[in-house]
Amino acid sequence: MLKDLKISVIGPGAMGEAIIGGLLRRELVSSEQMLVSHPREERRRDLQARYGVGVSDDNVGAARWGQVVIITVKPQMLKKILPPLRGTMAPGDLVISVVAGATISSFAEALGHPAVARSMPNTPAQIGEGMTVWTAADAVDAQQRGWARTVLSALGHELFVDNETYLDMSTALNGTGPAYFFLMMEAMIDAGVHMGLSRRIAEELVLQTMLGTVRYAQQSGLHPAQLRNAVTSPGGTTSAALSELERGGMRTVLADAIWAAYRRSVELGKQG
């Protein structure tokens, strides 16, 4: 679907590089089809050496060159990045935003270009195991939606939603979600070390337990409460542990954290 299509990536940080690497690794495009724009020469040299893509420090030129223009900057940078790009896209071009909180309308108005898709990937995208939620403006036609779906699939799993408000909600789950799991991993590993395990053993136990648990949940198709009940024997070790977690308000704290992430995503969109 992306054959002979020219793709520009503006502001490639970790997520932008994940898109570049994913597209090339899956052989969805060739390096000659990609142009990367970044202000730092060191970063440009690194990306060119690693992936063989074209590089530039000219965002306007990159936007004009690409038929699919992927913008992967920090939300705070949009007021600087977008205005110079206004009027640079041809009618058939597609803009894909990978910017937390930034609305489709803010992109379309700033660029003077209605064909905008908005996405929210997460950190595992860097190894092709991401979860990306995305949506598109009404002006994005079927072919352009196919381009967006194919590009975002290079990051792992992709899920289209037809309501843009779901993007801020998903930011609080899949976008910010890895940090919740990293914190849980860290706490479990530290507890294991405190009990007397070596850090190496504790890390291996925790990481494989988490990985296996997720895969088991995916394959079982059961509700998490059913899975939890199945491993909780009356008066056993799991029951004792879960009692402490509930007493400590784990559900409430986690829910509050997710709501805080959602509110911040909305705030970032308003600032943009």
C-alpha atoms as a PDB file:
ATOM      1  CA  MET A   1       0.000   0.000   0.000  1.00  0.00           C
ATOM      2  CA  LEU A   2       2.944   2.352   0.633  1.00  0.00           C
ATOM      3  CA  LYS A   3       4.833   1.400  -2.541  1.00  0.00           C
ATOM      4  CA  ASP A   4       6.471   4.450  -4.144  1.00  0.00           C
ATOM      5  CA  LEU A   5       4.866   6.724  -1.529  1.00  0.00           C
ATOM      6  CA  LYS A   6       7.113   9.477  -0.171  1.00  0.00           C
ATOM      7  CA  ILE A   7       7.076   9.695   3.635  1.00  0.00           C
ATOM      8  CA  SER A   8       8.462  12.576   5.710  1.00  0.00           C
ATOM      9  CA  VAL A   9       9.064  12.387   9.455  1.00  0.00           C
ATOM     10  CA  ILE A  10       9.366  15.740  11.208  1.00  0.00           C
ATOM     11  CA  GLY A  11      10.993  15.853  14.644  1.00  0.00           C
ATOM     12  CA  PRO A  12      11.847  12.168  15.111  1.00  0.00           C
ATOM     13  CA  GLY A  13      12.460  11.384  18.752  1.00  0.00           C
ATOM     14  CA  ALA A  14      12.073   7.860  20.115  1.00  0.00           C
ATOM     15  CA  MET A  15       8.611   7.371  18.606  1.00  0.00           C
ATOM     16  CA  GLY A  16       9.543   8.865  15.265  1.00  0.00           C
ATOM     17  CA  GLU A  17      12.535   6.560  15.086  1.00  0.00           C
ATOM     18  CA  ALA A  18      10.291   3.627  15.999  1.00  0.00           C
ATOM     19  CA  ILE A  19       8.128   4.438  12.968  1.00  0.00           C
ATOM     20  CA  ILE A  20      11.167   4.698  10.691  1.00  0.00           C
ATOM     21  CA  GLY A  21      12.639   1.446  11.979  1.00  0.00           C
ATOM     22  CA  GLY A  22       9.316  -0.402  11.908  1.00  0.00           C
ATOM     23  CA  LEU A  23       8.516   0.586   8.330  1.00  0.00           C
ATOM     24  CA  LEU A  24      11.948  -0.480   7.114  1.00  0.00           C
ATOM     25  CA  ARG A  25      12.154  -3.641   9.215  1.00  0.00           C
ATOM     26  CA  ARG A  26       8.806  -4.851   7.873  1.00  0.00           C
ATOM     27  CA  GLU A  27       9.855  -3.823   4.364  1.00  0.00           C
ATOM     28  CA  LEU A  28       6.783  -1.634   3.968  1.00  0.00           C
ATOM     29  CA  VAL A  29       8.942   1.078   2.394  1.00  0.00           C
ATOM     30  CA  SER A  30      12.520   1.505   1.197  1.00  0.00           C
ATOM     31  CA  SER A  31      14.935   3.979   2.757  1.00  0.00           C
ATOM     32  CA  GLU A  32      14.779   6.057  -0.456  1.00  0.00           C
ATOM     33  CA  GLN A  33      11.082   6.721   0.240  1.00  0.00           C
ATOM     34  CA  MET A  34      11.816   8.425   3.562  1.00  0.00           C
ATOM     35  CA  LEU A  35      12.994  11.913   4.453  1.00  0.00           C
ATOM     36  CA  VAL A  36      13.667  12.840   8.067  1.00  0.00           C
ATOM     37  CA  SER A  37      13.819  16.419   9.322  1.00  0.00           C
ATOM     38  CA  HIS A  38      15.547  17.258  12.610  1.00  0.00           C
ATOM     39  CA  PRO A  39      17.285  20.452  13.813  1.00  0.00           C
ATOM     40  CA  ARG A  40      20.356  18.727  15.303  1.00  0.00           C
ATOM     41  CA  GLU A  41      23.086  17.638  12.902  1.00  0.00           C
ATOM     42  CA  GLU A  42      24.254  14.858  15.226  1.00  0.00           C
ATOM     43  CA  ARG A  43      20.774  13.344  15.291  1.00  0.00           C
ATOM     44  CA  ARG A  44      20.480  13.587  11.491  1.00  0.00           C
ATOM     45  CA  ARG A  45      23.800  11.837  10.991  1.00  0.00           C
ATOM     46  CA  ASP A  46      22.819   9.091  13.412  1.00  0.00           C
ATOM     47  CA  LEU A  47      19.491   8.388  11.675  1.00  0.00           C
ATOM     48  CA  GLN A  48      21.071   8.444   8.232  1.00  0.00           C
ATOM     49  CA  ALA A  49      23.828   6.039   9.279  1.00  0.00           C
ATOM     50  CA  ARG A  50      21.423   3.692  11.036  1.00  0.00           C
ATOM     51  CA  TYR A  51      18.614   3.564   8.477  1.00  0.00           C
ATOM     52  CA  GLY A  52      19.976   5.000   5.236  1.00  0.00           C
ATOM     53  CA  VAL A  53      17.144   7.540   5.012  1.00  0.00           C
ATOM     54  CA  GLY A  54      17.391  11.038   3.604  1.00  0.00           C
ATOM     55  CA  VAL A  55      17.861  13.766   6.212  1.00  0.00           C
ATOM     56  CA  SER A  56      17.256  17.505   6.366  1.00  0.00           C
ATOM     57  CA  ASP A  57      17.045  20.418   8.777  1.00  0.00           C
ATOM     58  CA  ASP A  58      14.273  22.006   6.681  1.00  0.00           C
ATOM     59  CA  ASN A  59      10.801  21.149   7.987  1.00  0.00           C
ATOM     60  CA  VAL A  60       9.102  23.095   5.209  1.00  0.00           C
ATOM     61  CA  GLY A  61      11.032  21.260   2.513  1.00  0.00           C
ATOM     62  CA  ALA A  62      10.282  17.919   4.173  1.00  0.00           C
ATOM     63  CA  ALA A  63       6.572  18.728   4.358  1.00  0.00           C
ATOM     64  CA  ARG A  64       6.497  19.680   0.679  1.00  0.00           C
ATOM     65  CA  TRP A  65       8.382  16.521  -0.305  1.00  0.00           C
ATOM     66  CA  GLY A  66       6.271  13.985   1.580  1.00  0.00           C
ATOM     67  CA  GLN A  67       2.907  12.580   0.528  1.00  0.00           C
ATOM     68  CA  VAL A  68       2.540  11.299   4.084  1.00  0.00           C
ATOM     69  CA  VAL A  69       3.908  13.770   6.637  1.00  0.00           C
ATOM     70  CA  ILE A  70       4.371  12.345  10.125  1.00  0.00           C
ATOM     71  CA  ILE A  71       4.817  14.916  12.904  1.00  0.00           C
ATOM     72  CA  THR A  72       6.320  13.535  16.113  1.00  0.00           C
ATOM     73  CA  VAL A  73       7.300  16.537  18.243  1.00  0.00           C
ATOM     74  CA  LYS A  74       6.550  17.433  21.862  1.00  0.00           C
ATOM     75  CA  PRO A  75       3.173  19.200  22.348  1.00  0.00           C
ATOM     76  CA  GLN A  76       4.953  22.335  23.543  1.00  0.00           C
ATOM     77  CA  MET A  77       6.768  22.592  20.183  1.00  0.00           C
ATOM     78  CA  LEU A  78       3.659  22.752  17.986  1.00  0.00           C
ATOM     79  CA  LYS A  79       3.291  26.540  18.114  1.00  0.00           C
ATOM     80  CA  LYS A  80       6.787  26.796  16.656  1.00  0.00           C
ATOM     81  CA  ILE A  81       6.650  23.857  14.234  1.00  0.00           C
ATOM     82  CA  LEU A  82       3.215  24.113  12.593  1.00  0.00           C
ATOM     83  CA  PRO A  83       2.804  27.748  11.382  1.00  0.00           C
ATOM     84  CA  PRO A  84       5.714  27.616   8.884  1.00  0.00           C
ATOM     85  CA  LEU A  85       4.225  24.452   7.379  1.00  0.00           C
ATOM     86  CA  ARG A  86       0.927  26.121   6.506  1.00  0.00           C
ATOM     87  CA  GLY A  87       0.098  25.704   2.836  1.00  0.00           C
ATOM     88  CA  THR A  88       2.958  23.297   2.097  1.00  0.00           C
ATOM     89  CA  MET A  89       0.865  20.122   1.685  1.00  0.00           C
ATOM     90  CA  ALA A  90      -0.793  19.170  -1.602  1.00  0.00           C
ATOM     91  CA  PRO A  91      -4.534  18.284  -1.550  1.00  0.00           C
ATOM     92  CA  GLY A  92      -3.882  14.524  -1.679  1.00  0.00           C
ATOM     93  CA  ASP A  93      -1.289  14.503   1.119  1.00  0.00           C
ATOM     94  CA  LEU A  94      -1.902  13.008   4.561  1.00  0.00           C
ATOM     95  CA  VAL A  95      -0.664  14.379   7.882  1.00  0.00           C
ATOM     96  CA  ILE A  96      -0.257  11.917  10.755  1.00  0.00           C
ATOM     97  CA  SER A  97       0.081  13.437  14.218  1.00  0.00           C
ATOM     98  CA  VAL A  98       1.938  11.539  16.943  1.00  0.00           C
ATOM     99  CA  VAL A  99       1.579  14.386  19.436  1.00  0.00           C
ATOM    100  CA  ALA A 100      -0.093  13.858  22.824  1.00  0.00           C
ATOM    101  CA  GLY A 101      -3.195  15.952  23.394  1.00  0.00           C
ATOM    102  CA  ALA A 102      -3.084  17.832  20.076  1.00  0.00           C
ATOM    103  CA  THR A 103      -6.504  17.793  18.397  1.00  0.00           C
ATOM    104  CA  ILE A 104      -7.188  17.169  14.740  1.00  0.00           C
ATOM    105  CA  SER A 105      -8.788  20.605  14.423  1.00  0.00           C
ATOM    106  CA  SER A 106      -5.695  22.336  15.841  1.00  0.00           C
ATOM    107  CA  PHE A 107      -3.530  20.626  13.220  1.00  0.00           C
ATOM    108  CA  ALA A 108      -5.953  21.249  10.355  1.00  0.00           C
ATOM    109  CA  GLU A 109      -6.376  24.940  11.230  1.00  0.00           C
ATOM    110  CA  ALA A 110      -2.660  25.577  11.748  1.00  0.00           C
ATOM    111  CA  LEU A 111      -1.664  23.790   8.547  1.00  0.00           C
ATOM    112  CA  GLY A 112      -4.573  24.886   6.381  1.00  0.00           C
ATOM    113  CA  HIS A 113      -4.901  21.211   5.449  1.00  0.00           C
ATOM    114  CA  PRO A 114      -7.914  19.054   6.418  1.00  0.00           C
ATOM    115  CA  ALA A 115      -6.532  15.520   5.862  1.00  0.00           C
ATOM    116  CA  VAL A 116      -5.179  14.797   9.346  1.00  0.00           C
ATOM    117  CA  ALA A 117      -4.988  11.542  11.287  1.00  0.00           C
ATOM    118  CA  ARG A 118      -4.247  11.616  15.013  1.00  0.00           C
ATOM    119  CA  SER A 119      -2.575   8.744  16.854  1.00  0.00           C
ATOM    120  CA  MET A 120      -1.395   7.733  20.308  1.00  0.00           C
ATOM    121  CA  PRO A 121       1.193   4.930  20.403  1.00  0.00           C
ATOM    122  CA  ASN A 122       3.159   3.776  23.442  1.00  0.00           C
ATOM    123  CA  THR A 123       6.708   2.852  24.410  1.00  0.00           C
ATOM    124  CA  PRO A 124       6.634  -0.835  23.337  1.00  0.00           C
ATOM    125  CA  ALA A 125       6.264   0.499  19.784  1.00  0.00           C
ATOM    126  CA  GLN A 126      10.057   0.816  19.855  1.00  0.00           C
ATOM    127  CA  ILE A 127      10.301  -2.978  19.566  1.00  0.00           C
ATOM    128  CA  GLY A 128       7.247  -3.427  17.329  1.00  0.00           C
ATOM    129  CA  GLU A 129       4.973  -4.406  20.226  1.00  0.00           C
ATOM    130  CA  GLY A 130       3.135  -1.125  20.686  1.00  0.00           C
ATOM    131  CA  MET A 131      -0.557  -0.408  21.068  1.00  0.00           C
ATOM    132  CA  THR A 132      -1.571   2.563  18.933  1.00  0.00           C
ATOM    133  CA  VAL A 133      -5.034   4.109  19.015  1.00  0.00           C
ATOM    134  CA  TRP A 134      -5.854   6.444  16.138  1.00  0.00           C
ATOM    135  CA  THR A 135      -8.617   8.340  14.399  1.00  0.00           C
ATOM    136  CA  ALA A 136      -8.946  10.548  11.336  1.00  0.00           C
ATOM    137  CA  ALA A 137     -10.748  13.647  10.124  1.00  0.00           C
ATOM    138  CA  ASP A 138     -13.705  13.229   7.791  1.00  0.00           C
ATOM    139  CA  ALA A 139     -11.522  14.684   5.029  1.00  0.00           C
ATOM    140  CA  VAL A 140      -9.217  11.640   5.187  1.00  0.00           C
ATOM    141  CA  ASP A 141     -10.390   9.342   2.393  1.00  0.00           C
ATOM    142  CA  ALA A 142     -10.300   5.541   2.286  1.00  0.00           C
ATOM    143  CA  GLN A 143      -6.912   5.382   0.585  1.00  0.00           C
ATOM    144  CA  GLN A 144      -5.351   7.786   3.072  1.00  0.00           C
ATOM    145  CA  ARG A 145      -6.822   5.811   5.980  1.00  0.00           C
ATOM    146  CA  GLY A 146      -5.152   2.757   4.504  1.00  0.00           C
ATOM    147  CA  TRP A 147      -1.846   4.639   4.465  1.00  0.00           C
ATOM    148  CA  ALA A 148      -2.291   5.633   8.117  1.00  0.00           C
ATOM    149  CA  ARG A 149      -3.238   2.109   9.175  1.00  0.00           C
ATOM    150  CA  THR A 150      -0.206   0.635   7.418  1.00  0.00           C
ATOM    151  CA  VAL A 151       2.210   3.207   8.858  1.00  0.00           C
ATOM    152  CA  LEU A 152       0.920   2.755  12.400  1.00  0.00           C
ATOM    153  CA  SER A 153       0.895  -1.041  12.113  1.00  0.00           C
ATOM    154  CA  ALA A 154       4.684  -0.799  11.856  1.00  0.00           C
ATOM    155  CA  LEU A 155       4.620   0.036  15.577  1.00  0.00           C
ATOM    156  CA  GLY A 156       2.723  -3.130  16.538  1.00  0.00           C
ATOM    157  CA  HIS A 157      -1.035  -3.298  17.099  1.00  0.00           C
ATOM    158  CA  GLU A 158      -3.282  -0.469  15.894  1.00  0.00           C
ATOM    159  CA  LEU A 159      -6.887   0.304  16.751  1.00  0.00           C
ATOM    160  CA  PHE A 160      -9.066   2.807  14.881  1.00  0.00           C
ATOM    161  CA  VAL A 161     -11.745   4.684  16.839  1.00  0.00           C
ATOM    162  CA  ASP A 162     -14.389   6.926  15.332  1.00  0.00           C
ATOM    163  CA  ASN A 163     -14.539   9.420  18.212  1.00  0.00           C
ATOM    164  CA  GLU A 164     -11.579  11.723  18.816  1.00  0.00           C
ATOM    165  CA  THR A 165     -12.368  12.080  22.516  1.00  0.00           C
ATOM    166  CA  TYR A 166     -11.251   8.463  22.895  1.00  0.00           C
ATOM    167  CA  LEU A 167      -7.693   9.563  22.069  1.00  0.00           C
ATOM    168  CA  ASP A 168      -7.293  11.494  25.329  1.00  0.00           C
ATOM    169  CA  MET A 169      -8.803   8.564  27.203  1.00  0.00           C
ATOM    170  CA  SER A 170      -6.511   6.067  25.511  1.00  0.00           C
ATOM    171  CA  THR A 171      -3.528   8.312  26.275  1.00  0.00           C
ATOM    172  CA  ALA A 172      -4.225   7.661  29.956  1.00  0.00           C
ATOM    173  CA  LEU A 173      -4.314   3.886  29.364  1.00  0.00           C
ATOM    174  CA  ASN A 174      -2.054   2.770  26.539  1.00  0.00           C
ATOM    175  CA  GLY A 175       0.026   5.946  26.157  1.00  0.00           C
ATOM    176  CA  THR A 176       0.910   6.368  29.827  1.00  0.00           C
ATOM    177  CA  GLY A 177       0.195   2.745  30.744  1.00  0.00           C
ATOM    178  CA  PRO A 178       3.738   1.370  30.374  1.00  0.00           C
ATOM    179  CA  ALA A 179       4.890   3.695  33.176  1.00  0.00           C
ATOM    180  CA  TYR A 180       2.363   2.100  35.546  1.00  0.00           C
ATOM    181  CA  PHE A 181       3.764  -1.341  34.769  1.00  0.00           C
ATOM    182  CA  PHE A 182       7.367  -0.146  35.042  1.00  0.00           C
ATOM    183  CA  LEU A 183       6.619   1.245  38.499  1.00  0.00           C
ATOM    184  CA  MET A 184       4.975  -2.020  39.533  1.00  0.00           C
ATOM    185  CA  MET A 185       7.964  -3.996  38.207  1.00  0.00           C
ATOM    186  CA  GLU A 186      10.338  -1.772  40.146  1.00  0.00           C
ATOM    187  CA  ALA A 187       8.370  -2.149  43.390  1.00  0.00           C
ATOM    188  CA  MET A 188       8.139  -5.944  43.055  1.00  0.00           C
ATOM    189  CA  ILE A 189      11.844  -6.305  42.238  1.00  0.00           C
ATOM    190  CA  ASP A 190      12.836  -4.103  45.170  1.00  0.00           C
ATOM    191  CA  ALA A 191      10.614  -6.153  47.482  1.00  0.00           C
ATOM    192  CA  GLY A 192      12.311  -9.326  46.283  1.00  0.00           C
ATOM    193  CA  VAL A 193      15.738  -7.843  46.944  1.00  0.00           C
ATOM    194  CA  HIS A 194      14.583  -6.713  50.389  1.00  0.00           C
ATOM    195  CA  MET A 195      13.529 -10.286  51.155  1.00  0.00           C
ATOM    196  CA  GLY A 196      17.002 -11.550  50.234  1.00  0.00           C
ATOM    197  CA  LEU A 197      16.956 -12.413  46.529  1.00  0.00           C
ATOM    198  CA  SER A 198      19.703 -11.127  44.275  1.00  0.00           C
ATOM    199  CA  ARG A 199      18.554  -8.312  41.970  1.00  0.00           C
ATOM    200  CA  ARG A 200      19.241 -10.470  38.914  1.00  0.00           C
ATOM    201  CA  ILE A 201      16.992 -13.266  40.160  1.00  0.00           C
ATOM    202  CA  ALA A 202      14.284 -10.841  41.299  1.00  0.00           C
ATOM    203  CA  GLU A 203      14.266  -9.111  37.921  1.00  0.00           C
ATOM    204  CA  GLU A 204      14.003 -12.376  36.005  1.00  0.00           C
ATOM    205  CA  LEU A 205      11.176 -13.622  38.223  1.00  0.00           C
ATOM    206  CA  VAL A 206       9.165 -10.406  37.949  1.00  0.00           C
ATOM    207  CA  LEU A 207       9.624  -9.772  34.222  1.00  0.00           C
ATOM    208  CA  GLN A 208       8.795 -13.311  33.142  1.00  0.00           C
ATOM    209  CA  THR A 209       5.852 -13.477  35.556  1.00  0.00           C
ATOM    210  CA  MET A 210       4.419 -10.263  34.109  1.00  0.00           C
ATOM    211  CA  LEU A 211       5.026 -11.353  30.506  1.00  0.00           C
ATOM    212  CA  GLY A 212       3.508 -14.797  31.064  1.00  0.00           C
ATOM    213  CA  THR A 213       0.529 -13.348  32.909  1.00  0.00           C
ATOM    214  CA  VAL A 214      -0.316 -10.994  30.039  1.00  0.00           C
ATOM    215  CA  ARG A 215      -0.009 -13.743  27.449  1.00  0.00           C
ATOM    216  CA  TYR A 216      -2.134 -16.074  29.552  1.00  0.00           C
ATOM    217  CA  ALA A 217      -4.812 -13.389  29.939  1.00  0.00           C
ATOM    218  CA  GLN A 218      -4.821 -12.789  26.171  1.00  0.00           C
ATOM    219  CA  GLN A 219      -5.201 -16.465  25.334  1.00  0.00           C
ATOM    220  CA  SER A 220      -7.734 -17.322  28.039  1.00  0.00           C
ATOM    221  CA  GLY A 221     -10.300 -14.724  26.987  1.00  0.00           C
ATOM    222  CA  LEU A 222     -11.488 -14.572  30.606  1.00  0.00           C
ATOM    223  CA  HIS A 223     -12.259 -11.466  32.645  1.00  0.00           C
ATOM    224  CA  PRO A 224      -9.331 -10.401  34.887  1.00  0.00           C
ATOM    225  CA  ALA A 225     -11.493 -10.947  37.968  1.00  0.00           C
ATOM    226  CA  GLN A 226     -12.029 -14.586  36.929  1.00  0.00           C
ATOM    227  CA  LEU A 227      -8.307 -15.067  36.416  1.00  0.00           C
ATOM    228  CA  ARG A 228      -7.528 -13.486  39.774  1.00  0.00           C
ATOM    229  CA  ASN A 229     -10.077 -15.636  41.587  1.00  0.00           C
ATOM    230  CA  ALA A 230      -8.619 -18.763  39.980  1.00  0.00           C
ATOM    231  CA  VAL A 231      -5.228 -18.181  41.620  1.00  0.00           C
ATOM    232  CA  THR A 232      -6.561 -17.006  44.988  1.00  0.00           C
ATOM    233  CA  SER A 233      -6.962 -19.864  47.453  1.00  0.00           C
ATOM    234  CA  PRO A 234      -8.834 -19.166  50.702  1.00  0.00           C
ATOM    235  CA  GLY A 235      -6.364 -18.285  53.425  1.00  0.00           C
ATOM    236  CA  GLY A 236      -3.406 -18.623  51.072  1.00  0.00           C
ATOM    237  CA  THR A 237      -0.458 -16.423  50.164  1.00  0.00           C
ATOM    238  CA  THR A 238      -2.245 -14.717  47.261  1.00  0.00           C
ATOM    239  CA  SER A 239      -5.231 -13.937  49.451  1.00  0.00           C
ATOM    240  CA  ALA A 240      -2.965 -12.353  52.056  1.00  0.00           C
ATOM    241  CA  ALA A 241      -1.178 -10.257  49.431  1.00  0.00           C
ATOM    242  CA  LEU A 242      -4.377  -9.081  47.748  1.00  0.00           C
ATOM    243  CA  SER A 243      -5.853  -8.111  51.110  1.00  0.00           C
ATOM    244  CA  GLU A 244      -2.922  -5.749  51.682  1.00  0.00           C
ATOM    245  CA  LEU A 245      -3.249  -4.257  48.183  1.00  0.00           C
ATOM    246  CA  GLU A 246      -6.961  -3.609  48.655  1.00  0.00           C
ATOM    247  CA  ARG A 247      -6.389  -2.181  52.129  1.00  0.00           C
ATOM    248  CA  GLY A 248      -3.769   0.153  50.676  1.00  0.00           C
ATOM    249  CA  GLY A 249      -6.252   1.462  48.121  1.00  0.00           C
ATOM    250  CA  MET A 250      -4.438   0.189  45.027  1.00  0.00           C
ATOM    251  CA  ARG A 251      -7.556   0.345  42.835  1.00  0.00           C
ATOM    252  CA  THR A 252      -8.376   3.892  43.916  1.00  0.00           C
ATOM    253  CA  VAL A 253      -4.813   5.182  43.524  1.00  0.00           C
ATOM    254  CA  LEU A 254      -4.468   3.611  40.076  1.00  0.00           C
ATOM    255  CA  ALA A 255      -7.816   4.982  38.942  1.00  0.00           C
ATOM    256  CA  ASP A 256      -6.862   8.448  40.224  1.00  0.00           C
ATOM    257  CA  ALA A 257      -3.564   8.244  38.325  1.00  0.00           C
ATOM    258  CA  ILE A 258      -5.333   7.342  35.084  1.00  0.00           C
ATOM    259  CA  TRP A 259      -7.798  10.212  35.507  1.00  0.00           C
ATOM    260  CA  ALA A 260      -4.885  12.587  36.177  1.00  0.00           C
ATOM    261  CA  ALA A 261      -3.228  11.468  32.928  1.00  0.00           C
ATOM    262  CA  TYR A 262      -6.500  11.979  31.050  1.00  0.00           C
ATOM    263  CA  ARG A 263      -6.965  15.499  32.429  1.00  0.00           C
ATOM    264  CA  ARG A 264      -3.384  16.395  31.531  1.00  0.00           C
ATOM    265  CA  SER A 265      -3.882  15.135  27.979  1.00  0.00           C
ATOM    266  CA  VAL A 266      -6.926  17.396  27.627  1.00  0.00           C
ATOM    267  CA  GLU A 267      -4.938  20.327  29.057  1.00  0.00           C
ATOM    268  CA  LEU A 268      -2.118  19.790  26.564  1.00  0.00           C
ATOM    269  CA  GLY A 269      -4.659  19.851  23.745  1.00  0.00           C
ATOM    270  CA  LYS A 270      -6.066  23.169  24.942  1.00  0.00           C
ATOM    271  CA  GLN A 271      -2.583  24.671  25.259  1.00  0.00           C
ATOM    272  CA  GLY A 272      -1.857  23.610  21.680  1.00  0.00           C
END
